Amino acid sequence: MSDPEPDADFRERLLREVPDSDRDFVMRASGKRLDALGRKYDVYRTGVPLDGFDGFEDGDAEDDGV
């Protein structure tokens, strides 16, 4: 399995898909929170959603208002 797409590359791809209202959230997010935002817009690091992935169930992530 190859290395996951780095946050910076994924963020750049995701920013092409999100409306202006969520751009600030995407710019500040990283890791699992960034994955959760991607899921909201059907954009995934792997290109497709992984079985069992629910990026919104992350007790360790800081709440950024998403």
N, C-alpha and C. Protein backbone atom coordinates (compact mmCIF):
# COMPACT_ATOMS: atom_id res chain seq x y z
N MET A 1 0.85 -1.18 0.00
CA MET A 1 0.00 0.00 0.00
C MET A 1 0.89 1.24 0.00
N SER A 2 0.55 2.22 -0.80
CA SER A 2 1.34 3.43 -0.86
C SER A 2 1.01 4.35 0.33
N ASP A 3 1.86 5.35 0.52
CA ASP A 3 1.64 6.30 1.60
C ASP A 3 0.38 7.12 1.31
N PRO A 4 -0.34 7.52 2.38
CA PRO A 4 -1.52 8.35 2.16
C PRO A 4 -1.13 9.72 1.60
N GLU A 5 -2.05 10.33 0.92
CA GLU A 5 -1.84 11.66 0.36
C GLU A 5 -1.60 12.66 1.50
N PRO A 6 -0.57 13.47 1.43
CA PRO A 6 -0.30 14.45 2.49
C PRO A 6 -1.44 15.46 2.62
N ASP A 7 -1.62 16.01 3.82
CA ASP A 7 -2.67 16.98 4.06
C ASP A 7 -2.63 18.12 3.05
N ALA A 8 -1.46 18.66 2.76
CA ALA A 8 -1.35 19.82 1.87
C ALA A 8 -1.89 19.49 0.47
N ASP A 9 -1.57 18.32 -0.05
CA ASP A 9 -2.05 17.92 -1.38
C ASP A 9 -3.56 17.67 -1.37
N PHE A 10 -4.02 16.99 -0.32
CA PHE A 10 -5.45 16.71 -0.21
C PHE A 10 -6.23 18.02 -0.04
N ARG A 11 -5.72 18.92 0.77
CA ARG A 11 -6.38 20.21 0.99
C ARG A 11 -6.51 20.97 -0.33
N GLU A 12 -5.46 20.97 -1.12
CA GLU A 12 -5.48 21.67 -2.41
C GLU A 12 -6.58 21.10 -3.32
N ARG A 13 -6.70 19.78 -3.36
CA ARG A 13 -7.74 19.14 -4.16
C ARG A 13 -9.13 19.45 -3.61
N LEU A 14 -9.26 19.40 -2.29
CA LEU A 14 -10.54 19.63 -1.64
C LEU A 14 -11.01 21.08 -1.84
N LEU A 15 -10.09 22.02 -1.82
CA LEU A 15 -10.47 23.43 -1.98
C LEU A 15 -11.11 23.70 -3.34
N ARG A 16 -10.86 22.86 -4.31
CA ARG A 16 -11.49 23.01 -5.63
C ARG A 16 -12.97 22.64 -5.61
N GLU A 17 -13.38 21.90 -4.57
CA GLU A 17 -14.73 21.35 -4.51
C GLU A 17 -15.65 22.05 -3.51
N VAL A 18 -15.11 22.73 -2.53
CA VAL A 18 -15.94 23.28 -1.45
C VAL A 18 -16.44 24.67 -1.79
N PRO A 19 -17.61 25.04 -1.28
CA PRO A 19 -18.10 26.41 -1.48
C PRO A 19 -17.29 27.39 -0.63
N ASP A 20 -17.38 28.65 -0.96
CA ASP A 20 -16.64 29.69 -0.22
C ASP A 20 -16.93 29.64 1.28
N SER A 21 -18.13 29.25 1.66
CA SER A 21 -18.50 29.24 3.07
C SER A 21 -17.68 28.25 3.91
N ASP A 22 -17.11 27.22 3.29
CA ASP A 22 -16.33 26.22 4.03
C ASP A 22 -14.83 26.31 3.79
N ARG A 23 -14.39 27.24 2.97
CA ARG A 23 -12.96 27.33 2.64
C ARG A 23 -12.10 27.57 3.89
N ASP A 24 -12.56 28.42 4.81
CA ASP A 24 -11.78 28.68 6.03
C ASP A 24 -11.61 27.41 6.85
N PHE A 25 -12.68 26.59 6.95
CA PHE A 25 -12.59 25.34 7.69
C PHE A 25 -11.55 24.41 7.07
N VAL A 26 -11.57 24.32 5.75
CA VAL A 26 -10.62 23.44 5.05
C VAL A 26 -9.19 23.94 5.25
N MET A 27 -8.99 25.24 5.21
CA MET A 27 -7.65 25.80 5.37
C MET A 27 -7.07 25.52 6.76
N ARG A 28 -7.92 25.46 7.79
CA ARG A 28 -7.46 25.23 9.17
C ARG A 28 -7.41 23.76 9.55
N ALA A 29 -8.11 22.92 8.84
CA ALA A 29 -8.23 21.52 9.23
C ALA A 29 -6.98 20.71 8.85
N SER A 30 -6.79 19.63 9.58
CA SER A 30 -5.72 18.69 9.27
C SER A 30 -6.14 17.30 9.72
N GLY A 31 -5.43 16.30 9.25
CA GLY A 31 -5.65 14.92 9.67
C GLY A 31 -7.09 14.46 9.49
N LYS A 32 -7.64 13.88 10.57
CA LYS A 32 -8.99 13.30 10.50
C LYS A 32 -10.06 14.35 10.24
N ARG A 33 -9.87 15.55 10.74
CA ARG A 33 -10.86 16.61 10.50
C ARG A 33 -10.89 16.97 9.02
N LEU A 34 -9.74 17.00 8.38
CA LEU A 34 -9.68 17.27 6.95
C LEU A 34 -10.35 16.14 6.17
N ASP A 35 -10.14 14.90 6.61
CA ASP A 35 -10.81 13.76 5.99
C ASP A 35 -12.33 13.88 6.14
N ALA A 36 -12.78 14.33 7.31
CA ALA A 36 -14.22 14.49 7.54
C ALA A 36 -14.81 15.54 6.62
N LEU A 37 -14.11 16.63 6.44
CA LEU A 37 -14.59 17.66 5.51
C LEU A 37 -14.62 17.14 4.08
N GLY A 38 -13.62 16.37 3.72
CA GLY A 38 -13.61 15.77 2.39
C GLY A 38 -14.80 14.85 2.18
N ARG A 39 -15.11 14.07 3.20
CA ARG A 39 -16.25 13.15 3.12
C ARG A 39 -17.54 13.93 2.89
N LYS A 40 -17.66 15.09 3.52
CA LYS A 40 -18.85 15.93 3.37
C LYS A 40 -19.08 16.28 1.90
N TYR A 41 -17.99 16.42 1.14
CA TYR A 41 -18.08 16.80 -0.27
C TYR A 41 -17.71 15.67 -1.22
N ASP A 42 -17.72 14.43 -0.71
CA ASP A 42 -17.40 13.24 -1.52
C ASP A 42 -16.04 13.34 -2.18
N VAL A 43 -15.06 13.84 -1.42
CA VAL A 43 -13.67 13.90 -1.88
C VAL A 43 -12.85 13.11 -0.86
N TYR A 44 -12.12 12.11 -1.32
CA TYR A 44 -11.40 11.20 -0.42
C TYR A 44 -9.93 11.12 -0.80
N ARG A 45 -9.08 10.94 0.19
CA ARG A 45 -7.65 10.78 -0.08
C ARG A 45 -7.40 9.58 -0.97
N THR A 46 -8.19 8.55 -0.80
CA THR A 46 -8.00 7.31 -1.56
C THR A 46 -8.73 7.32 -2.89
N GLY A 47 -9.54 8.35 -3.14
CA GLY A 47 -10.33 8.42 -4.37
C GLY A 47 -11.72 7.86 -4.19
N VAL A 48 -11.89 6.94 -3.23
CA VAL A 48 -13.20 6.34 -2.92
C VAL A 48 -13.31 6.21 -1.41
N PRO A 49 -14.54 6.20 -0.86
CA PRO A 49 -14.68 6.02 0.58
C PRO A 49 -14.25 4.61 0.99
N LEU A 50 -13.56 4.51 2.10
CA LEU A 50 -13.14 3.20 2.61
C LEU A 50 -14.26 2.61 3.45
N ASP A 51 -14.43 1.28 3.39
CA ASP A 51 -15.44 0.61 4.20
C ASP A 51 -15.24 0.92 5.67
N GLY A 52 -16.32 1.28 6.34
CA GLY A 52 -16.27 1.51 7.78
C GLY A 52 -15.73 2.87 8.18
N PHE A 53 -15.36 3.71 7.23
CA PHE A 53 -14.82 5.01 7.58
C PHE A 53 -15.95 5.95 7.90
N ASP A 54 -15.85 6.59 9.07
CA ASP A 54 -16.78 7.65 9.43
C ASP A 54 -15.96 8.74 10.08
N GLY A 55 -15.46 9.65 9.29
CA GLY A 55 -14.57 10.69 9.77
C GLY A 55 -15.19 11.63 10.79
N PHE A 56 -16.50 11.57 10.98
CA PHE A 56 -17.13 12.47 11.93
C PHE A 56 -17.11 11.91 13.35
N GLU A 57 -16.70 10.69 13.55
CA GLU A 57 -16.62 10.10 14.88
C GLU A 57 -15.19 10.12 15.36
N ASP A 58 -14.73 11.29 15.74
CA ASP A 58 -13.35 11.45 16.20
C ASP A 58 -13.34 12.24 17.49
N GLY A 59 -13.29 11.55 18.59
CA GLY A 59 -13.28 12.20 19.88
C GLY A 59 -12.04 12.98 20.16
N ASP A 60 -10.94 12.73 19.43
CA ASP A 60 -9.67 13.40 19.69
C ASP A 60 -9.52 14.72 18.93
N ALA A 61 -10.33 14.92 17.90
CA ALA A 61 -10.19 16.13 17.08
C ALA A 61 -10.81 17.33 17.79
N GLU A 62 -10.19 18.48 17.61
CA GLU A 62 -10.75 19.70 18.15
C GLU A 62 -11.95 20.09 17.32
N ASP A 63 -12.96 20.60 17.99
CA ASP A 63 -14.16 21.05 17.28
C ASP A 63 -13.87 22.38 16.62
N ASP A 64 -14.00 22.43 15.29
CA ASP A 64 -13.75 23.67 14.57
C ASP A 64 -15.02 24.23 13.95
N GLY A 65 -16.16 23.79 14.48
CA GLY A 65 -17.42 24.34 14.03
C GLY A 65 -18.02 23.68 12.82
N VAL A 66 -17.48 22.55 12.40
CA VAL A 66 -18.00 21.86 11.23
C VAL A 66 -19.07 20.89 11.67
